[in-house]
Amino acid sequence: MVNIREVPFHADGLRLAGEFYLPEAASELPGLCICHGIPAVPFNPEDRGYAELAMRFAEAGFATLLFNFRGTGLSEGNFDMRGWARDLEAALSHLAAMNGVDASSLYVMGFSGGAATALFQAARDGRIAGVVSCASPAHFQELTADEALKGYIARWREIDIIRDPSFPQDMEDWKAGFSEVAPVSHIGKIAPRPVLLLHGDADEVVDVSHAHVLMDASGPNCELVVLPGALHRLRVDERAMVLALDWLLRQRVG
């Protein structure tokens, strides 16, 4: 039995939506923070895919926090990569303070842009004991190329992750945030803490070459698994989620 409750918290004065999944009668469990990717479609409250994932990992023995980064879901604000890193920092503080969580054993599992954020933050935050990265870009160069970025911004306004007409007020500074968070510049600083990189060789959004770039830049205790035929949405690929859970369970035992 897993107890689920809403646990909103704040980052930079913004209210972020969160759900906490805690196995019944649990005590001092390792914590897991799940980080979604950059949305490609409008928010749909009926889509409980990430919630089902959080339930699965909680049933396996992890006190699990699922939250929406700023600009997404029921959280306030506008999409911003630097802001997402601060959101994750706040989420980890929130998770560490929850009853039933072993604050000395906090893990992060991220997907796509959320995985990039997780790798960036792990290099800066020693509370993170390990990272599962699913389909992370090594960098955002393709996304931030001038003509491409215009199209992305238009789409992000359409799906309501950039909500304020005047945002971003400083386009160049906001754009620079993508370069600052790009995990290729940070993944090597996570060691000796472990990292699992999962990527599909048929990823249609983030080419598998990004995974090899990250692996080359990583330090010790980083493992790369490339899944044959897997697409970008690894959370719906059973092979990937079995690998992720098995890896996390091994870290907990170790």
C-alpha atoms as a PDB file:
ATOM      1  CA  MET A   1       0.000   0.000   0.000  1.00  0.00           C
ATOM      2  CA  VAL A   2       1.343   3.425  -0.975  1.00  0.00           C
ATOM      3  CA  ASN A   3       0.087   6.648   0.508  1.00  0.00           C
ATOM      4  CA  ILE A   4      -0.119   9.564  -1.934  1.00  0.00           C
ATOM      5  CA  ARG A   5      -0.505  13.193  -0.987  1.00  0.00           C
ATOM      6  CA  GLU A   6      -0.142  16.555  -2.607  1.00  0.00           C
ATOM      7  CA  VAL A   7       2.961  18.394  -1.396  1.00  0.00           C
ATOM      8  CA  PRO A   8       3.263  21.809  -3.049  1.00  0.00           C
ATOM      9  CA  PHE A   9       6.467  23.743  -2.401  1.00  0.00           C
ATOM     10  CA  HIS A  10       8.115  26.960  -3.564  1.00  0.00           C
ATOM     11  CA  ALA A  11      11.142  27.948  -5.611  1.00  0.00           C
ATOM     12  CA  ASP A  12      11.974  31.583  -6.351  1.00  0.00           C
ATOM     13  CA  GLY A  13       8.576  32.495  -4.900  1.00  0.00           C
ATOM     14  CA  LEU A  14       6.755  30.263  -7.405  1.00  0.00           C
ATOM     15  CA  ARG A  15       4.346  27.611  -6.211  1.00  0.00           C
ATOM     16  CA  LEU A  16       5.283  24.227  -7.672  1.00  0.00           C
ATOM     17  CA  ALA A  17       2.931  21.260  -7.685  1.00  0.00           C
ATOM     18  CA  GLY A  18       4.184  18.014  -6.188  1.00  0.00           C
ATOM     19  CA  GLU A  19       2.950  14.572  -5.191  1.00  0.00           C
ATOM     20  CA  PHE A  20       4.636  12.405  -2.570  1.00  0.00           C
ATOM     21  CA  TYR A  21       4.405   8.613  -2.746  1.00  0.00           C
ATOM     22  CA  LEU A  22       5.298   6.820   0.499  1.00  0.00           C
ATOM     23  CA  PRO A  23       4.895   3.113   1.187  1.00  0.00           C
ATOM     24  CA  GLU A  24       2.665   2.490   4.206  1.00  0.00           C
ATOM     25  CA  ALA A  25       4.490   1.938   7.519  1.00  0.00           C
ATOM     26  CA  ALA A  26       7.723   3.003   5.867  1.00  0.00           C
ATOM     27  CA  SER A  27      10.642   4.416   7.818  1.00  0.00           C
ATOM     28  CA  GLU A  28      13.831   6.043   6.557  1.00  0.00           C
ATOM     29  CA  LEU A  29      13.503   4.977   2.946  1.00  0.00           C
ATOM     30  CA  PRO A  30      15.818   6.246   0.209  1.00  0.00           C
ATOM     31  CA  GLY A  31      14.290   9.215  -1.579  1.00  0.00           C
ATOM     32  CA  LEU A  32      13.700   9.434  -5.313  1.00  0.00           C
ATOM     33  CA  CYS A  33      12.870  12.606  -7.213  1.00  0.00           C
ATOM     34  CA  ILE A  34      11.391  12.136 -10.702  1.00  0.00           C
ATOM     35  CA  CYS A  35      12.032  14.909 -13.230  1.00  0.00           C
ATOM     36  CA  HIS A  36       9.894  15.110 -16.359  1.00  0.00           C
ATOM     37  CA  GLY A  37      11.131  16.457 -19.669  1.00  0.00           C
ATOM     38  CA  ILE A  38      10.275  19.584 -21.642  1.00  0.00           C
ATOM     39  CA  PRO A  39       6.606  19.190 -22.615  1.00  0.00           C
ATOM     40  CA  ALA A  40       5.787  18.689 -26.277  1.00  0.00           C
ATOM     41  CA  VAL A  41       2.002  18.908 -25.880  1.00  0.00           C
ATOM     42  CA  PRO A  42      -0.394  20.933 -23.694  1.00  0.00           C
ATOM     43  CA  PHE A  43      -0.876  19.813 -20.091  1.00  0.00           C
ATOM     44  CA  ASN A  44      -3.428  17.030 -19.767  1.00  0.00           C
ATOM     45  CA  PRO A  45      -4.490  16.280 -16.177  1.00  0.00           C
ATOM     46  CA  GLU A  46      -5.850  12.925 -17.351  1.00  0.00           C
ATOM     47  CA  ASP A  47      -2.374  11.776 -18.369  1.00  0.00           C
ATOM     48  CA  ARG A  48      -1.124   9.924 -15.290  1.00  0.00           C
ATOM     49  CA  GLY A  49       1.864   8.253 -16.923  1.00  0.00           C
ATOM     50  CA  TYR A  50       4.425   9.810 -14.616  1.00  0.00           C
ATOM     51  CA  ALA A  51       2.157   9.152 -11.630  1.00  0.00           C
ATOM     52  CA  GLU A  52       2.054   5.460 -12.511  1.00  0.00           C
ATOM     53  CA  LEU A  53       5.840   5.509 -12.700  1.00  0.00           C
ATOM     54  CA  ALA A  54       6.097   7.162  -9.283  1.00  0.00           C
ATOM     55  CA  MET A  55       3.771   4.531  -7.846  1.00  0.00           C
ATOM     56  CA  ARG A  56       5.900   1.749  -9.317  1.00  0.00           C
ATOM     57  CA  PHE A  57       9.101   3.041  -7.751  1.00  0.00           C
ATOM     58  CA  ALA A  58       7.392   3.717  -4.432  1.00  0.00           C
ATOM     59  CA  GLU A  59       6.076   0.149  -4.340  1.00  0.00           C
ATOM     60  CA  ALA A  60       9.680  -0.971  -4.828  1.00  0.00           C
ATOM     61  CA  GLY A  61      10.736   0.877  -1.674  1.00  0.00           C
ATOM     62  CA  PHE A  62      11.537   4.473  -2.622  1.00  0.00           C
ATOM     63  CA  ALA A  63       9.931   7.506  -1.017  1.00  0.00           C
ATOM     64  CA  THR A  64       9.147   9.223  -4.302  1.00  0.00           C
ATOM     65  CA  LEU A  65       8.528  12.863  -5.140  1.00  0.00           C
ATOM     66  CA  LEU A  66       6.955  13.697  -8.485  1.00  0.00           C
ATOM     67  CA  PHE A  67       6.700  17.384  -9.283  1.00  0.00           C
ATOM     68  CA  ASN A  68       6.116  19.857 -12.100  1.00  0.00           C
ATOM     69  CA  PHE A  69       8.929  22.215 -13.033  1.00  0.00           C
ATOM     70  CA  ARG A  70       8.032  25.887 -13.375  1.00  0.00           C
ATOM     71  CA  GLY A  71       5.899  26.633 -16.398  1.00  0.00           C
ATOM     72  CA  THR A  72       4.512  23.101 -16.591  1.00  0.00           C
ATOM     73  CA  GLY A  73       1.448  21.317 -15.312  1.00  0.00           C
ATOM     74  CA  LEU A  74      -0.083  22.981 -12.274  1.00  0.00           C
ATOM     75  CA  SER A  75       3.108  24.825 -11.326  1.00  0.00           C
ATOM     76  CA  GLU A  76       3.481  28.576 -11.681  1.00  0.00           C
ATOM     77  CA  GLY A  77       5.999  30.460 -13.798  1.00  0.00           C
ATOM     78  CA  ASN A  78       7.535  30.148 -17.252  1.00  0.00           C
ATOM     79  CA  PHE A  79       9.859  27.554 -18.738  1.00  0.00           C
ATOM     80  CA  ASP A  80      13.473  28.444 -17.940  1.00  0.00           C
ATOM     81  CA  MET A  81      16.430  26.051 -17.753  1.00  0.00           C
ATOM     82  CA  ARG A  82      18.277  27.875 -14.993  1.00  0.00           C
ATOM     83  CA  GLY A  83      14.994  28.042 -13.112  1.00  0.00           C
ATOM     84  CA  TRP A  84      14.484  24.319 -13.554  1.00  0.00           C
ATOM     85  CA  ALA A  85      17.794  23.686 -11.789  1.00  0.00           C
ATOM     86  CA  ARG A  86      16.635  25.843  -8.863  1.00  0.00           C
ATOM     87  CA  ASP A  87      13.310  23.990  -8.870  1.00  0.00           C
ATOM     88  CA  LEU A  88      15.124  20.671  -8.525  1.00  0.00           C
ATOM     89  CA  GLU A  89      17.250  22.045  -5.695  1.00  0.00           C
ATOM     90  CA  ALA A  90      14.064  23.102  -3.883  1.00  0.00           C
ATOM     91  CA  ALA A  91      12.417  19.754  -4.627  1.00  0.00           C
ATOM     92  CA  LEU A  92      15.332  17.868  -3.076  1.00  0.00           C
ATOM     93  CA  SER A  93      15.172  20.032   0.043  1.00  0.00           C
ATOM     94  CA  HIS A  94      11.457  19.344   0.250  1.00  0.00           C
ATOM     95  CA  LEU A  95      11.956  15.601  -0.217  1.00  0.00           C
ATOM     96  CA  ALA A  96      14.778  15.432   2.331  1.00  0.00           C
ATOM     97  CA  ALA A  97      12.558  17.041   4.972  1.00  0.00           C
ATOM     98  CA  MET A  98       9.653  14.613   4.524  1.00  0.00           C
ATOM     99  CA  ASN A  99       8.902  12.056   7.228  1.00  0.00           C
ATOM    100  CA  GLY A 100       9.985   8.588   6.173  1.00  0.00           C
ATOM    101  CA  VAL A 101      12.853   9.762   3.958  1.00  0.00           C
ATOM    102  CA  ASP A 102      16.515   8.981   4.525  1.00  0.00           C
ATOM    103  CA  ALA A 103      17.987  12.376   3.658  1.00  0.00           C
ATOM    104  CA  SER A 104      21.430  10.820   3.233  1.00  0.00           C
ATOM    105  CA  SER A 105      20.174   8.685   0.336  1.00  0.00           C
ATOM    106  CA  LEU A 106      18.535  10.861  -2.315  1.00  0.00           C
ATOM    107  CA  TYR A 107      18.379   9.788  -5.960  1.00  0.00           C
ATOM    108  CA  VAL A 108      17.142  11.571  -9.063  1.00  0.00           C
ATOM    109  CA  MET A 109      15.667  10.065 -12.205  1.00  0.00           C
ATOM    110  CA  GLY A 110      15.196  12.452 -15.102  1.00  0.00           C
ATOM    111  CA  PHE A 111      13.853  12.315 -18.627  1.00  0.00           C
ATOM    112  CA  SER A 112      15.182  14.349 -21.560  1.00  0.00           C
ATOM    113  CA  GLY A 113      15.409  18.005 -20.425  1.00  0.00           C
ATOM    114  CA  GLY A 114      14.687  16.854 -16.878  1.00  0.00           C
ATOM    115  CA  ALA A 115      17.587  14.415 -17.124  1.00  0.00           C
ATOM    116  CA  ALA A 116      19.860  17.216 -18.275  1.00  0.00           C
ATOM    117  CA  THR A 117      18.737  19.241 -15.274  1.00  0.00           C
ATOM    118  CA  ALA A 118      19.359  16.286 -12.966  1.00  0.00           C
ATOM    119  CA  LEU A 119      22.910  15.784 -14.245  1.00  0.00           C
ATOM    120  CA  PHE A 120      23.656  19.497 -13.968  1.00  0.00           C
ATOM    121  CA  GLN A 121      22.316  19.688 -10.432  1.00  0.00           C
ATOM    122  CA  ALA A 122      24.070  16.507  -9.295  1.00  0.00           C
ATOM    123  CA  ALA A 123      27.408  18.069 -10.188  1.00  0.00           C
ATOM    124  CA  ARG A 124      26.588  20.944  -7.809  1.00  0.00           C
ATOM    125  CA  ASP A 125      24.592  19.209  -5.071  1.00  0.00           C
ATOM    126  CA  GLY A 126      26.316  16.584  -2.956  1.00  0.00           C
ATOM    127  CA  ARG A 127      22.999  15.459  -1.477  1.00  0.00           C
ATOM    128  CA  ILE A 128      22.285  13.566  -4.698  1.00  0.00           C
ATOM    129  CA  ALA A 129      23.561  10.012  -4.213  1.00  0.00           C
ATOM    130  CA  GLY A 130      23.067   8.937  -7.827  1.00  0.00           C
ATOM    131  CA  VAL A 131      21.312   9.764 -11.090  1.00  0.00           C
ATOM    132  CA  VAL A 132      19.327   7.790 -13.632  1.00  0.00           C
ATOM    133  CA  SER A 133      19.381   9.791 -16.861  1.00  0.00           C
ATOM    134  CA  CYS A 134      16.894   8.809 -19.566  1.00  0.00           C
ATOM    135  CA  ALA A 135      17.462  10.232 -23.064  1.00  0.00           C
ATOM    136  CA  SER A 136      19.325  13.306 -21.887  1.00  0.00           C
ATOM    137  CA  PRO A 137      20.743  15.751 -24.406  1.00  0.00           C
ATOM    138  CA  ALA A 138      24.449  16.412 -23.922  1.00  0.00           C
ATOM    139  CA  HIS A 139      23.853  20.005 -24.993  1.00  0.00           C
ATOM    140  CA  PHE A 140      21.081  22.144 -26.475  1.00  0.00           C
ATOM    141  CA  GLN A 141      22.877  23.478 -29.550  1.00  0.00           C
ATOM    142  CA  GLU A 142      20.296  22.189 -32.023  1.00  0.00           C
ATOM    143  CA  LEU A 143      17.470  23.654 -29.971  1.00  0.00           C
ATOM    144  CA  THR A 144      19.005  27.093 -29.433  1.00  0.00           C
ATOM    145  CA  ALA A 145      20.106  27.741 -33.020  1.00  0.00           C
ATOM    146  CA  ASP A 146      18.419  31.043 -33.893  1.00  0.00           C
ATOM    147  CA  GLU A 147      15.877  29.873 -36.445  1.00  0.00           C
ATOM    148  CA  ALA A 148      15.093  26.684 -34.526  1.00  0.00           C
ATOM    149  CA  LEU A 149      14.641  28.549 -31.261  1.00  0.00           C
ATOM    150  CA  LYS A 150      12.057  30.878 -32.765  1.00  0.00           C
ATOM    151  CA  GLY A 151       9.971  27.888 -33.694  1.00  0.00           C
ATOM    152  CA  TYR A 152      10.385  26.280 -30.280  1.00  0.00           C
ATOM    153  CA  ILE A 153       9.391  29.474 -28.481  1.00  0.00           C
ATOM    154  CA  ALA A 154       6.275  29.788 -30.619  1.00  0.00           C
ATOM    155  CA  ARG A 155       5.384  26.197 -29.810  1.00  0.00           C
ATOM    156  CA  TRP A 156       6.095  26.646 -26.091  1.00  0.00           C
ATOM    157  CA  ARG A 157       3.765  29.635 -26.015  1.00  0.00           C
ATOM    158  CA  GLU A 158       1.122  27.590 -27.807  1.00  0.00           C
ATOM    159  CA  ILE A 159       1.284  24.752 -25.283  1.00  0.00           C
ATOM    160  CA  ASP A 160       1.454  27.212 -22.382  1.00  0.00           C
ATOM    161  CA  ILE A 161       4.843  26.585 -20.823  1.00  0.00           C
ATOM    162  CA  ILE A 162       5.856  30.148 -21.686  1.00  0.00           C
ATOM    163  CA  ARG A 163       2.839  31.950 -20.311  1.00  0.00           C
ATOM    164  CA  ASP A 164       3.710  35.621 -19.916  1.00  0.00           C
ATOM    165  CA  PRO A 165       3.734  37.669 -23.148  1.00  0.00           C
ATOM    166  CA  SER A 166       6.770  39.636 -21.940  1.00  0.00           C
ATOM    167  CA  PHE A 167       8.795  36.508 -21.053  1.00  0.00           C
ATOM    168  CA  PRO A 168      11.697  36.210 -21.508  1.00  0.00           C
ATOM    169  CA  GLN A 169      12.531  39.845 -20.845  1.00  0.00           C
ATOM    170  CA  ASP A 170      16.180  39.296 -21.778  1.00  0.00           C
ATOM    171  CA  MET A 171      16.242  36.792 -24.616  1.00  0.00           C
ATOM    172  CA  GLU A 172      20.030  36.404 -24.763  1.00  0.00           C
ATOM    173  CA  ASP A 173      20.328  35.797 -21.026  1.00  0.00           C
ATOM    174  CA  TRP A 174      17.474  33.279 -21.079  1.00  0.00           C
ATOM    175  CA  LYS A 175      19.038  31.525 -24.063  1.00  0.00           C
ATOM    176  CA  ALA A 176      22.396  31.396 -22.259  1.00  0.00           C
ATOM    177  CA  GLY A 177      20.727  29.319 -19.556  1.00  0.00           C
ATOM    178  CA  PHE A 178      20.574  26.365 -21.933  1.00  0.00           C
ATOM    179  CA  SER A 179      24.355  26.485 -22.403  1.00  0.00           C
ATOM    180  CA  GLU A 180      24.952  26.808 -18.665  1.00  0.00           C
ATOM    181  CA  VAL A 181      22.852  23.764 -17.819  1.00  0.00           C
ATOM    182  CA  ALA A 182      24.133  21.593 -20.704  1.00  0.00           C
ATOM    183  CA  PRO A 183      25.278  18.457 -18.853  1.00  0.00           C
ATOM    184  CA  VAL A 184      28.298  17.710 -21.040  1.00  0.00           C
ATOM    185  CA  SER A 185      30.109  20.444 -19.112  1.00  0.00           C
ATOM    186  CA  HIS A 186      29.122  19.037 -15.717  1.00  0.00           C
ATOM    187  CA  ILE A 187      28.730  15.262 -15.786  1.00  0.00           C
ATOM    188  CA  GLY A 188      32.414  14.682 -15.070  1.00  0.00           C
ATOM    189  CA  LYS A 189      32.016  16.400 -11.694  1.00  0.00           C
ATOM    190  CA  ILE A 190      29.451  13.913 -10.370  1.00  0.00           C
ATOM    191  CA  ALA A 191      31.962  11.105  -9.707  1.00  0.00           C
ATOM    192  CA  PRO A 192      32.480   9.113  -7.602  1.00  0.00           C
ATOM    193  CA  ARG A 193      28.687   9.068  -7.235  1.00  0.00           C
ATOM    194  CA  PRO A 194      27.102   6.688  -9.754  1.00  0.00           C
ATOM    195  CA  VAL A 195      25.253   7.641 -12.940  1.00  0.00           C
ATOM    196  CA  LEU A 196      23.216   5.441 -15.269  1.00  0.00           C
ATOM    197  CA  LEU A 197      22.733   6.779 -18.800  1.00  0.00           C
ATOM    198  CA  LEU A 198      19.863   5.162 -20.713  1.00  0.00           C
ATOM    199  CA  HIS A 199      19.243   6.019 -24.358  1.00  0.00           C
ATOM    200  CA  GLY A 200      17.496   4.476 -27.332  1.00  0.00           C
ATOM    201  CA  ASP A 201      19.363   4.000 -30.577  1.00  0.00           C
ATOM    202  CA  ALA A 202      16.181   5.020 -32.441  1.00  0.00           C
ATOM    203  CA  ASP A 203      15.581   8.185 -30.404  1.00  0.00           C
ATOM    204  CA  GLU A 204      13.783  10.552 -32.753  1.00  0.00           C
ATOM    205  CA  VAL A 205      14.210  13.669 -30.565  1.00  0.00           C
ATOM    206  CA  VAL A 206      17.689  13.452 -28.999  1.00  0.00           C
ATOM    207  CA  ASP A 207      20.054  11.477 -31.184  1.00  0.00           C
ATOM    208  CA  VAL A 208      21.869   8.630 -29.463  1.00  0.00           C
ATOM    209  CA  SER A 209      25.166  10.383 -30.229  1.00  0.00           C
ATOM    210  CA  HIS A 210      24.380  12.671 -27.276  1.00  0.00           C
ATOM    211  CA  ALA A 211      24.622   9.682 -24.931  1.00  0.00           C
ATOM    212  CA  HIS A 212      28.083   8.804 -26.220  1.00  0.00           C
ATOM    213  CA  VAL A 213      29.204  12.427 -25.811  1.00  0.00           C
ATOM    214  CA  LEU A 214      28.018  12.352 -22.199  1.00  0.00           C
ATOM    215  CA  MET A 215      29.718   9.024 -21.552  1.00  0.00           C
ATOM    216  CA  ASP A 216      32.992  10.335 -22.938  1.00  0.00           C
ATOM    217  CA  ALA A 217      32.763  13.380 -20.662  1.00  0.00           C
ATOM    218  CA  SER A 218      31.795  11.429 -17.540  1.00  0.00           C
ATOM    219  CA  GLY A 219      33.967  10.325 -14.673  1.00  0.00           C
ATOM    220  CA  PRO A 220      34.219   6.910 -12.976  1.00  0.00           C
ATOM    221  CA  ASN A 221      31.048   5.041 -11.984  1.00  0.00           C
ATOM    222  CA  CYS A 222      29.088   6.093 -15.043  1.00  0.00           C
ATOM    223  CA  GLU A 223      27.344   3.363 -17.030  1.00  0.00           C
ATOM    224  CA  LEU A 224      25.772   3.712 -20.484  1.00  0.00           C
ATOM    225  CA  VAL A 225      23.084   1.357 -21.782  1.00  0.00           C
ATOM    226  CA  VAL A 226      21.858   1.880 -25.348  1.00  0.00           C
ATOM    227  CA  LEU A 227      18.542   0.156 -25.984  1.00  0.00           C
ATOM    228  CA  PRO A 228      18.030  -1.242 -29.498  1.00  0.00           C
ATOM    229  CA  GLY A 229      14.986   0.224 -31.200  1.00  0.00           C
ATOM    230  CA  ALA A 230      14.015   2.420 -28.260  1.00  0.00           C
ATOM    231  CA  LEU A 231      12.495   5.831 -28.962  1.00  0.00           C
ATOM    232  CA  HIS A 232      12.712   9.036 -26.923  1.00  0.00           C
ATOM    233  CA  ARG A 233       9.936   8.369 -24.411  1.00  0.00           C
ATOM    234  CA  LEU A 234      11.833   5.848 -22.328  1.00  0.00           C
ATOM    235  CA  ARG A 235       9.322   6.009 -19.494  1.00  0.00           C
ATOM    236  CA  VAL A 236       6.992   3.917 -21.667  1.00  0.00           C
ATOM    237  CA  ASP A 237       9.744   1.464 -22.620  1.00  0.00           C
ATOM    238  CA  GLU A 238       9.529  -1.433 -20.178  1.00  0.00           C
ATOM    239  CA  ARG A 239      13.135  -2.450 -20.788  1.00  0.00           C
ATOM    240  CA  ALA A 240      14.361   0.982 -19.747  1.00  0.00           C
ATOM    241  CA  MET A 241      12.259   1.156 -16.598  1.00  0.00           C
ATOM    242  CA  VAL A 242      13.281  -2.337 -15.503  1.00  0.00           C
ATOM    243  CA  LEU A 243      16.927  -1.347 -15.926  1.00  0.00           C
ATOM    244  CA  ALA A 244      16.375   1.898 -14.032  1.00  0.00           C
ATOM    245  CA  LEU A 245      14.655   0.209 -11.102  1.00  0.00           C
ATOM    246  CA  ASP A 246      17.172  -2.625 -10.899  1.00  0.00           C
ATOM    247  CA  TRP A 247      20.031  -0.117 -10.923  1.00  0.00           C
ATOM    248  CA  LEU A 248      18.463   1.962  -8.159  1.00  0.00           C
ATOM    249  CA  LEU A 249      17.835  -1.117  -6.049  1.00  0.00           C
ATOM    250  CA  ARG A 250      21.489  -2.117  -6.425  1.00  0.00           C
ATOM    251  CA  GLN A 251      22.608   1.325  -5.272  1.00  0.00           C
ATOM    252  CA  ARG A 252      20.350   1.082  -2.248  1.00  0.00           C
ATOM    253  CA  VAL A 253      21.724  -2.314  -1.267  1.00  0.00           C
ATOM    254  CA  GLY A 254      25.292  -1.145  -1.883  1.00  0.00           C
END
